[in-house]
Amino acid sequence: MSVKLIAVDMDGTFLSDKKTYNRARFLQQYAQMKAQQIRFVVASGNQYYQLASFFPEIAGEIAFVAENGGWVRDAGEDIFNCDMPRDCFQQIVAFLQTRPEIEIIACGKLSAYTLKQYDARFHDIAAHYYHRLERVENFDSLNDTILKFALNIPDDKVPQMQVLLDNQLGHMLTAVTTGHGSIDLIMPGVHKAHGLSLLQARWGIRDDEVVAFGDSCNDIEMVSQAGFGFAMANAADAVKAVAGYAAPHNNEEGVLAIIDKVLKGEAPFA
């Protein structure tokens, strides 16, 4: 079975823990992917502007499923934007602000937004993931298309907070863990697999022609949907449970090792 699309999560998957990748090796692989007519898609919970910065040579020709599926772009063209209803947005903000342990980022198309009251440590961390980030007094007057919420939570409180969020907000949004004390609140049905499906329909690519890599719970739908779904060696158990295949650790260039097998037609792609 031929492979026609390779989709990669970024943090904990394509990137090392130092937030780097072997650029020279990948660009050589990418040239071979183009020659073999294999599409490359970056599928991440992170902001589009941050994701594009990792691929300055090719950002204008590859596709991105950003914000956990909230924003899909192909070769610089918008394919899909989630748009959270205003009343939904306001109800969610009102509830989240009753929980002092949660730091909130409202993720918009023009920018992400967080509160000035949060400490400098949080803003410094957030800036690594959101290259467009505005500090605001409150969330009352944002003039933007809101794609999702990203929540920063103490690591030891993530499991109980996910249950609480599902119970309180599950009728409006889905809570998914993204690793390292983070939970995203996304519109139901808007996830990475949905974004990939839109691109596949655009390109005429079947699920069994897709290779997808992930490590966190926000990758479950994408890894499950792909004909070749790979869980990283460092992946959460829930991802390993649905993946048909295993890739080496993200710190060992695990994604690039499997891409080599794709390009050479080696098992399981023979």
C-alpha atoms as a PDB file:
ATOM      1  CA  MET A   1       0.000   0.000   0.000  1.00  0.00           C
ATOM      2  CA  SER A   2       1.477   3.339  -1.021  1.00  0.00           C
ATOM      3  CA  VAL A   3       1.795   6.220   1.428  1.00  0.00           C
ATOM      4  CA  LYS A   4       0.492   9.572   0.236  1.00  0.00           C
ATOM      5  CA  LEU A   5       0.429  11.654   3.430  1.00  0.00           C
ATOM      6  CA  ILE A   6       2.653  11.940   6.508  1.00  0.00           C
ATOM      7  CA  ALA A   7       1.239  13.864   9.486  1.00  0.00           C
ATOM      8  CA  VAL A   8       3.329  14.749  12.525  1.00  0.00           C
ATOM      9  CA  ASP A   9       2.545  16.142  15.931  1.00  0.00           C
ATOM     10  CA  MET A  10       5.300  18.466  17.117  1.00  0.00           C
ATOM     11  CA  ASP A  11       6.025  18.574  20.883  1.00  0.00           C
ATOM     12  CA  GLY A  12       7.103  15.175  22.149  1.00  0.00           C
ATOM     13  CA  THR A  13       6.917  13.733  18.629  1.00  0.00           C
ATOM     14  CA  PHE A  14       8.693  15.487  15.763  1.00  0.00           C
ATOM     15  CA  LEU A  15      10.630  17.783  18.108  1.00  0.00           C
ATOM     16  CA  SER A  16      13.127  16.694  20.718  1.00  0.00           C
ATOM     17  CA  ASP A  17      12.638  17.760  24.314  1.00  0.00           C
ATOM     18  CA  LYS A  18      14.923  20.692  23.466  1.00  0.00           C
ATOM     19  CA  LYS A  19      12.355  21.797  20.841  1.00  0.00           C
ATOM     20  CA  THR A  20      14.697  21.063  17.927  1.00  0.00           C
ATOM     21  CA  TYR A  21      14.867  18.627  15.039  1.00  0.00           C
ATOM     22  CA  ASN A  22      17.528  17.501  12.571  1.00  0.00           C
ATOM     23  CA  ARG A  23      16.731  20.103   9.929  1.00  0.00           C
ATOM     24  CA  ALA A  24      19.270  18.938   7.338  1.00  0.00           C
ATOM     25  CA  ARG A  25      18.105  15.325   7.536  1.00  0.00           C
ATOM     26  CA  PHE A  26      14.452  16.284   7.333  1.00  0.00           C
ATOM     27  CA  LEU A  27      14.879  18.639   4.379  1.00  0.00           C
ATOM     28  CA  GLN A  28      16.583  15.835   2.452  1.00  0.00           C
ATOM     29  CA  GLN A  29      13.648  13.598   3.306  1.00  0.00           C
ATOM     30  CA  TYR A  30      11.180  16.283   2.325  1.00  0.00           C
ATOM     31  CA  ALA A  31      12.755  16.564  -1.123  1.00  0.00           C
ATOM     32  CA  GLN A  32      12.255  12.807  -1.507  1.00  0.00           C
ATOM     33  CA  MET A  33       8.659  13.086  -0.261  1.00  0.00           C
ATOM     34  CA  LYS A  34       7.939  15.655  -2.963  1.00  0.00           C
ATOM     35  CA  ALA A  35       9.534  13.433  -5.581  1.00  0.00           C
ATOM     36  CA  GLN A  36       7.321  10.543  -4.430  1.00  0.00           C
ATOM     37  CA  GLN A  37       4.235  12.824  -4.233  1.00  0.00           C
ATOM     38  CA  ILE A  38       3.826  12.361  -0.482  1.00  0.00           C
ATOM     39  CA  ARG A  39       2.148  15.255   1.326  1.00  0.00           C
ATOM     40  CA  PHE A  40       3.579  16.514   4.624  1.00  0.00           C
ATOM     41  CA  VAL A  41       1.261  17.895   7.313  1.00  0.00           C
ATOM     42  CA  VAL A  42       2.119  19.456  10.669  1.00  0.00           C
ATOM     43  CA  ALA A  43      -0.704  18.626  13.107  1.00  0.00           C
ATOM     44  CA  SER A  44      -0.350  20.266  16.518  1.00  0.00           C
ATOM     45  CA  GLY A  45      -2.216  21.947  19.312  1.00  0.00           C
ATOM     46  CA  ASN A  46       0.085  24.929  18.941  1.00  0.00           C
ATOM     47  CA  GLN A  47      -0.485  28.233  17.210  1.00  0.00           C
ATOM     48  CA  TYR A  48      -0.066  28.367  13.421  1.00  0.00           C
ATOM     49  CA  TYR A  49       2.472  31.203  13.590  1.00  0.00           C
ATOM     50  CA  GLN A  50       4.669  29.222  15.977  1.00  0.00           C
ATOM     51  CA  LEU A  51       4.433  26.050  13.871  1.00  0.00           C
ATOM     52  CA  ALA A  52       5.316  27.850  10.644  1.00  0.00           C
ATOM     53  CA  SER A  53       8.453  29.250  12.291  1.00  0.00           C
ATOM     54  CA  PHE A  54       9.905  25.723  12.495  1.00  0.00           C
ATOM     55  CA  PHE A  55       9.743  25.313   8.705  1.00  0.00           C
ATOM     56  CA  PRO A  56      10.883  28.614   7.171  1.00  0.00           C
ATOM     57  CA  GLU A  57      12.062  26.951   3.951  1.00  0.00           C
ATOM     58  CA  ILE A  58       8.792  25.182   3.173  1.00  0.00           C
ATOM     59  CA  ALA A  59       6.011  26.749   5.299  1.00  0.00           C
ATOM     60  CA  GLY A  60       4.396  28.207   2.187  1.00  0.00           C
ATOM     61  CA  GLU A  61       3.984  24.830   0.500  1.00  0.00           C
ATOM     62  CA  ILE A  62       3.105  22.360   3.275  1.00  0.00           C
ATOM     63  CA  ALA A  63      -0.139  22.026   5.231  1.00  0.00           C
ATOM     64  CA  PHE A  64      -0.850  22.765   8.888  1.00  0.00           C
ATOM     65  CA  VAL A  65      -3.546  21.456  11.197  1.00  0.00           C
ATOM     66  CA  ALA A  66      -2.993  23.997  13.977  1.00  0.00           C
ATOM     67  CA  GLU A  67      -4.774  24.657  17.285  1.00  0.00           C
ATOM     68  CA  ASN A  68      -5.778  20.968  17.546  1.00  0.00           C
ATOM     69  CA  GLY A  69      -7.723  21.211  14.308  1.00  0.00           C
ATOM     70  CA  GLY A  70      -9.147  24.682  14.872  1.00  0.00           C
ATOM     71  CA  TRP A  71      -7.227  26.135  11.932  1.00  0.00           C
ATOM     72  CA  VAL A  72      -6.316  24.195   8.774  1.00  0.00           C
ATOM     73  CA  ARG A  73      -4.100  25.706   6.076  1.00  0.00           C
ATOM     74  CA  ASP A  74      -2.735  24.287   2.841  1.00  0.00           C
ATOM     75  CA  ALA A  75       0.115  26.063   1.062  1.00  0.00           C
ATOM     76  CA  GLY A  76      -0.848  29.383   2.639  1.00  0.00           C
ATOM     77  CA  GLU A  77      -4.580  29.022   1.939  1.00  0.00           C
ATOM     78  CA  ASP A  78      -7.154  28.718   4.709  1.00  0.00           C
ATOM     79  CA  ILE A  79      -9.180  25.515   4.464  1.00  0.00           C
ATOM     80  CA  PHE A  80     -11.023  25.636   7.791  1.00  0.00           C
ATOM     81  CA  ASN A  81     -11.458  27.898  10.794  1.00  0.00           C
ATOM     82  CA  CYS A  82     -13.336  26.943  13.915  1.00  0.00           C
ATOM     83  CA  ASP A  83     -15.375  29.860  15.307  1.00  0.00           C
ATOM     84  CA  MET A  84     -16.491  29.532  18.913  1.00  0.00           C
ATOM     85  CA  PRO A  85     -19.928  31.139  19.491  1.00  0.00           C
ATOM     86  CA  ARG A  86     -19.746  34.254  21.630  1.00  0.00           C
ATOM     87  CA  ASP A  87     -22.187  33.037  24.257  1.00  0.00           C
ATOM     88  CA  CYS A  88     -20.257  29.788  24.583  1.00  0.00           C
ATOM     89  CA  PHE A  89     -17.005  31.733  24.959  1.00  0.00           C
ATOM     90  CA  GLN A  90     -18.438  33.931  27.697  1.00  0.00           C
ATOM     91  CA  GLN A  91     -19.876  31.029  29.687  1.00  0.00           C
ATOM     92  CA  ILE A  92     -16.569  29.186  29.575  1.00  0.00           C
ATOM     93  CA  VAL A  93     -14.538  32.214  30.660  1.00  0.00           C
ATOM     94  CA  ALA A  94     -16.943  32.839  33.529  1.00  0.00           C
ATOM     95  CA  PHE A  95     -16.481  29.291  34.798  1.00  0.00           C
ATOM     96  CA  LEU A  96     -12.703  29.128  34.283  1.00  0.00           C
ATOM     97  CA  GLN A  97     -12.177  32.317  36.237  1.00  0.00           C
ATOM     98  CA  THR A  98     -13.738  30.665  39.304  1.00  0.00           C
ATOM     99  CA  ARG A  99     -10.739  28.288  39.354  1.00  0.00           C
ATOM    100  CA  PRO A 100      -7.621  30.140  40.611  1.00  0.00           C
ATOM    101  CA  GLU A 101      -5.335  27.215  39.722  1.00  0.00           C
ATOM    102  CA  ILE A 102      -6.048  27.689  35.995  1.00  0.00           C
ATOM    103  CA  GLU A 103      -4.175  30.151  33.784  1.00  0.00           C
ATOM    104  CA  ILE A 104      -6.129  30.837  30.595  1.00  0.00           C
ATOM    105  CA  ILE A 105      -5.075  31.476  27.013  1.00  0.00           C
ATOM    106  CA  ALA A 106      -7.885  32.291  24.570  1.00  0.00           C
ATOM    107  CA  CYS A 107      -6.588  31.199  21.169  1.00  0.00           C
ATOM    108  CA  GLY A 108      -7.734  33.412  18.316  1.00  0.00           C
ATOM    109  CA  LYS A 109      -6.895  33.532  14.633  1.00  0.00           C
ATOM    110  CA  LEU A 110      -5.218  36.941  14.818  1.00  0.00           C
ATOM    111  CA  SER A 111      -3.534  36.345  18.159  1.00  0.00           C
ATOM    112  CA  ALA A 112      -3.708  34.463  21.433  1.00  0.00           C
ATOM    113  CA  TYR A 113      -4.814  36.372  24.525  1.00  0.00           C
ATOM    114  CA  THR A 114      -3.988  36.005  28.185  1.00  0.00           C
ATOM    115  CA  LEU A 115      -4.436  38.142  31.271  1.00  0.00           C
ATOM    116  CA  LYS A 116      -2.011  40.784  32.475  1.00  0.00           C
ATOM    117  CA  GLN A 117      -2.554  39.598  36.046  1.00  0.00           C
ATOM    118  CA  TYR A 118      -0.657  36.346  35.448  1.00  0.00           C
ATOM    119  CA  ASP A 119       2.987  36.270  36.511  1.00  0.00           C
ATOM    120  CA  ALA A 120       5.972  36.780  34.223  1.00  0.00           C
ATOM    121  CA  ARG A 121       6.988  33.111  34.416  1.00  0.00           C
ATOM    122  CA  PHE A 122       3.725  32.033  32.792  1.00  0.00           C
ATOM    123  CA  HIS A 123       3.937  34.686  30.085  1.00  0.00           C
ATOM    124  CA  ASP A 124       7.511  33.695  29.231  1.00  0.00           C
ATOM    125  CA  ILE A 125       6.486  30.049  28.834  1.00  0.00           C
ATOM    126  CA  ALA A 126       3.372  30.908  26.843  1.00  0.00           C
ATOM    127  CA  ALA A 127       5.370  33.080  24.443  1.00  0.00           C
ATOM    128  CA  HIS A 128       7.354  30.020  23.312  1.00  0.00           C
ATOM    129  CA  TYR A 129       4.150  28.404  22.032  1.00  0.00           C
ATOM    130  CA  TYR A 130       2.244  31.514  20.951  1.00  0.00           C
ATOM    131  CA  HIS A 131       4.331  33.823  18.780  1.00  0.00           C
ATOM    132  CA  ARG A 132       1.385  36.191  18.677  1.00  0.00           C
ATOM    133  CA  LEU A 133       0.292  36.726  22.269  1.00  0.00           C
ATOM    134  CA  GLU A 134      -1.464  39.772  23.703  1.00  0.00           C
ATOM    135  CA  ARG A 135      -1.830  40.525  27.398  1.00  0.00           C
ATOM    136  CA  VAL A 136      -5.264  41.956  28.166  1.00  0.00           C
ATOM    137  CA  GLU A 137      -7.075  43.203  31.249  1.00  0.00           C
ATOM    138  CA  ASN A 138      -9.979  40.814  30.632  1.00  0.00           C
ATOM    139  CA  PHE A 139     -11.535  38.659  27.907  1.00  0.00           C
ATOM    140  CA  ASP A 140     -14.652  40.798  27.479  1.00  0.00           C
ATOM    141  CA  SER A 141     -13.846  42.681  24.283  1.00  0.00           C
ATOM    142  CA  LEU A 142     -11.789  40.386  22.066  1.00  0.00           C
ATOM    143  CA  ASN A 143     -12.407  41.109  18.386  1.00  0.00           C
ATOM    144  CA  ASP A 144     -11.198  37.850  16.909  1.00  0.00           C
ATOM    145  CA  THR A 145     -12.266  34.406  15.716  1.00  0.00           C
ATOM    146  CA  ILE A 146     -11.767  32.191  18.772  1.00  0.00           C
ATOM    147  CA  LEU A 147     -10.470  28.732  17.919  1.00  0.00           C
ATOM    148  CA  LYS A 148     -10.016  27.118  21.346  1.00  0.00           C
ATOM    149  CA  PHE A 149      -8.804  27.629  24.906  1.00  0.00           C
ATOM    150  CA  ALA A 150      -5.427  26.487  26.230  1.00  0.00           C
ATOM    151  CA  LEU A 151      -5.212  26.047  29.990  1.00  0.00           C
ATOM    152  CA  ASN A 152      -2.120  25.872  32.146  1.00  0.00           C
ATOM    153  CA  ILE A 153      -2.676  23.732  35.249  1.00  0.00           C
ATOM    154  CA  PRO A 154      -0.340  22.273  37.906  1.00  0.00           C
ATOM    155  CA  ASP A 155       0.716  18.802  36.727  1.00  0.00           C
ATOM    156  CA  ASP A 156      -0.664  17.010  39.769  1.00  0.00           C
ATOM    157  CA  LYS A 157      -4.111  18.551  39.264  1.00  0.00           C
ATOM    158  CA  VAL A 158      -4.527  17.738  35.567  1.00  0.00           C
ATOM    159  CA  PRO A 159      -6.476  14.445  35.956  1.00  0.00           C
ATOM    160  CA  GLN A 160      -9.011  15.819  38.433  1.00  0.00           C
ATOM    161  CA  MET A 161      -9.315  19.066  36.477  1.00  0.00           C
ATOM    162  CA  GLN A 162     -10.047  17.206  33.246  1.00  0.00           C
ATOM    163  CA  VAL A 163     -12.899  15.372  34.979  1.00  0.00           C
ATOM    164  CA  LEU A 164     -14.236  18.649  36.361  1.00  0.00           C
ATOM    165  CA  LEU A 165     -14.037  20.364  32.977  1.00  0.00           C
ATOM    166  CA  ASP A 166     -15.812  17.462  31.279  1.00  0.00           C
ATOM    167  CA  ASN A 167     -18.570  17.583  33.878  1.00  0.00           C
ATOM    168  CA  GLN A 168     -19.010  21.362  33.795  1.00  0.00           C
ATOM    169  CA  LEU A 169     -18.301  22.218  30.175  1.00  0.00           C
ATOM    170  CA  GLY A 170     -18.642  18.933  28.285  1.00  0.00           C
ATOM    171  CA  HIS A 171     -21.901  20.039  26.670  1.00  0.00           C
ATOM    172  CA  MET A 172     -20.001  22.863  24.966  1.00  0.00           C
ATOM    173  CA  LEU A 173     -16.350  21.829  24.638  1.00  0.00           C
ATOM    174  CA  THR A 174     -14.091  18.769  24.804  1.00  0.00           C
ATOM    175  CA  ALA A 175     -11.161  18.791  27.252  1.00  0.00           C
ATOM    176  CA  VAL A 176      -8.004  17.082  25.947  1.00  0.00           C
ATOM    177  CA  THR A 177      -4.632  16.811  27.649  1.00  0.00           C
ATOM    178  CA  THR A 178      -1.681  17.979  25.577  1.00  0.00           C
ATOM    179  CA  GLY A 179       1.129  17.133  28.014  1.00  0.00           C
ATOM    180  CA  HIS A 180       3.170  19.113  30.566  1.00  0.00           C
ATOM    181  CA  GLY A 181       0.283  20.458  32.633  1.00  0.00           C
ATOM    182  CA  SER A 182      -1.761  21.640  29.683  1.00  0.00           C
ATOM    183  CA  ILE A 183      -5.387  21.027  28.741  1.00  0.00           C
ATOM    184  CA  ASP A 184      -7.019  22.325  25.569  1.00  0.00           C
ATOM    185  CA  LEU A 185     -10.732  23.030  25.319  1.00  0.00           C
ATOM    186  CA  ILE A 186     -11.847  22.411  21.751  1.00  0.00           C
ATOM    187  CA  MET A 187     -15.194  22.433  19.985  1.00  0.00           C
ATOM    188  CA  PRO A 188     -16.727  18.920  19.776  1.00  0.00           C
ATOM    189  CA  GLY A 189     -15.636  17.146  16.606  1.00  0.00           C
ATOM    190  CA  VAL A 190     -12.893  19.691  15.929  1.00  0.00           C
ATOM    191  CA  HIS A 191      -9.649  17.780  16.383  1.00  0.00           C
ATOM    192  CA  LYS A 192      -6.574  16.801  14.395  1.00  0.00           C
ATOM    193  CA  ALA A 193      -8.292  13.862  12.679  1.00  0.00           C
ATOM    194  CA  HIS A 194     -11.043  16.178  11.442  1.00  0.00           C
ATOM    195  CA  GLY A 195      -8.456  18.571  10.029  1.00  0.00           C
ATOM    196  CA  LEU A 196      -6.635  15.741   8.285  1.00  0.00           C
ATOM    197  CA  SER A 197      -9.927  14.482   6.821  1.00  0.00           C
ATOM    198  CA  LEU A 198     -10.523  17.887   5.229  1.00  0.00           C
ATOM    199  CA  LEU A 199      -7.073  17.809   3.638  1.00  0.00           C
ATOM    200  CA  GLN A 200      -7.468  14.206   2.533  1.00  0.00           C
ATOM    201  CA  ALA A 201     -10.762  15.042   0.820  1.00  0.00           C
ATOM    202  CA  ARG A 202      -9.070  17.979  -0.888  1.00  0.00           C
ATOM    203  CA  TRP A 203      -6.236  15.767  -2.139  1.00  0.00           C
ATOM    204  CA  GLY A 204      -8.090  12.494  -2.733  1.00  0.00           C
ATOM    205  CA  ILE A 205      -6.198  10.519  -0.097  1.00  0.00           C
ATOM    206  CA  ARG A 206      -7.671   7.566   1.807  1.00  0.00           C
ATOM    207  CA  ASP A 207      -7.070   6.853   5.496  1.00  0.00           C
ATOM    208  CA  ASP A 208      -5.068   3.722   4.643  1.00  0.00           C
ATOM    209  CA  GLU A 209      -2.611   5.919   2.721  1.00  0.00           C
ATOM    210  CA  VAL A 210      -1.826   8.071   5.789  1.00  0.00           C
ATOM    211  CA  VAL A 211       1.039   7.804   8.273  1.00  0.00           C
ATOM    212  CA  ALA A 212       0.493   9.758  11.507  1.00  0.00           C
ATOM    213  CA  PHE A 213       2.694  10.210  14.583  1.00  0.00           C
ATOM    214  CA  GLY A 214       1.688  11.314  18.076  1.00  0.00           C
ATOM    215  CA  ASP A 215       2.452  11.127  21.773  1.00  0.00           C
ATOM    216  CA  SER A 216      -0.345  12.843  23.728  1.00  0.00           C
ATOM    217  CA  CYS A 217      -4.077  12.356  24.202  1.00  0.00           C
ATOM    218  CA  ASN A 218      -4.891  15.074  21.673  1.00  0.00           C
ATOM    219  CA  ASP A 219      -3.330  12.763  19.053  1.00  0.00           C
ATOM    220  CA  ILE A 220      -5.626   9.795  19.721  1.00  0.00           C
ATOM    221  CA  GLU A 221      -8.161  10.497  16.969  1.00  0.00           C
ATOM    222  CA  MET A 222      -5.455  11.194  14.392  1.00  0.00           C
ATOM    223  CA  VAL A 223      -3.407   8.108  15.250  1.00  0.00           C
ATOM    224  CA  SER A 224      -6.551   5.953  15.321  1.00  0.00           C
ATOM    225  CA  GLN A 225      -7.772   7.211  11.949  1.00  0.00           C
ATOM    226  CA  ALA A 226      -4.508   6.757  10.044  1.00  0.00           C
ATOM    227  CA  GLY A 227      -3.811   3.497   8.291  1.00  0.00           C
ATOM    228  CA  PHE A 228      -0.343   3.666   9.801  1.00  0.00           C
ATOM    229  CA  GLY A 229      -0.782   5.223  13.236  1.00  0.00           C
ATOM    230  CA  PHE A 230       2.472   5.476  15.196  1.00  0.00           C
ATOM    231  CA  ALA A 231       2.849   6.106  18.923  1.00  0.00           C
ATOM    232  CA  MET A 232       6.210   7.436  20.002  1.00  0.00           C
ATOM    233  CA  ALA A 233       8.215   5.379  22.518  1.00  0.00           C
ATOM    234  CA  ASN A 234       7.605   8.249  24.957  1.00  0.00           C
ATOM    235  CA  ALA A 235       3.860   8.424  24.206  1.00  0.00           C
ATOM    236  CA  ALA A 236       1.083   8.296  26.763  1.00  0.00           C
ATOM    237  CA  ASP A 237      -0.360   4.822  27.336  1.00  0.00           C
ATOM    238  CA  ALA A 238      -3.691   5.932  25.856  1.00  0.00           C
ATOM    239  CA  VAL A 239      -1.970   6.713  22.546  1.00  0.00           C
ATOM    240  CA  LYS A 240      -0.053   3.435  22.535  1.00  0.00           C
ATOM    241  CA  ALA A 241      -3.329   1.607  23.122  1.00  0.00           C
ATOM    242  CA  VAL A 242      -4.844   2.855  19.839  1.00  0.00           C
ATOM    243  CA  ALA A 243      -1.707   2.932  17.677  1.00  0.00           C
ATOM    244  CA  GLY A 244      -1.016   0.057  15.355  1.00  0.00           C
ATOM    245  CA  TYR A 245       2.699   0.815  15.253  1.00  0.00           C
ATOM    246  CA  ALA A 246       5.529   2.110  17.434  1.00  0.00           C
ATOM    247  CA  ALA A 247       8.192   4.718  16.619  1.00  0.00           C
ATOM    248  CA  PRO A 248      11.443   5.343  18.494  1.00  0.00           C
ATOM    249  CA  HIS A 249      11.685   8.077  21.149  1.00  0.00           C
ATOM    250  CA  ASN A 250      11.279  11.719  20.140  1.00  0.00           C
ATOM    251  CA  ASN A 251      14.817  12.404  21.430  1.00  0.00           C
ATOM    252  CA  GLU A 252      16.159   9.739  19.038  1.00  0.00           C
ATOM    253  CA  GLU A 253      14.726  11.277  15.836  1.00  0.00           C
ATOM    254  CA  GLY A 254      12.043   8.612  15.926  1.00  0.00           C
ATOM    255  CA  VAL A 255       9.794  10.253  13.326  1.00  0.00           C
ATOM    256  CA  LEU A 256      12.662  10.707  10.881  1.00  0.00           C
ATOM    257  CA  ALA A 257      13.663   7.057  11.327  1.00  0.00           C
ATOM    258  CA  ILE A 258      10.174   5.935  10.274  1.00  0.00           C
ATOM    259  CA  ILE A 259      10.052   8.426   7.398  1.00  0.00           C
ATOM    260  CA  ASP A 260      13.210   6.769   6.072  1.00  0.00           C
ATOM    261  CA  LYS A 261      11.329   3.468   6.025  1.00  0.00           C
ATOM    262  CA  VAL A 262       8.435   5.082   4.158  1.00  0.00           C
ATOM    263  CA  LEU A 263      10.748   6.523   1.517  1.00  0.00           C
ATOM    264  CA  LYS A 264      12.614   3.212   1.069  1.00  0.00           C
ATOM    265  CA  GLY A 265       9.451   1.120   1.008  1.00  0.00           C
ATOM    266  CA  GLU A 266      10.558  -0.934   3.984  1.00  0.00           C
ATOM    267  CA  ALA A 267       8.244  -2.785   6.389  1.00  0.00           C
ATOM    268  CA  PRO A 268       5.548  -2.043   7.337  1.00  0.00           C
ATOM    269  CA  PHE A 269       5.295  -0.011   4.119  1.00  0.00           C
ATOM    270  CA  ALA A 270       6.595  -2.652   1.739  1.00  0.00           C
END
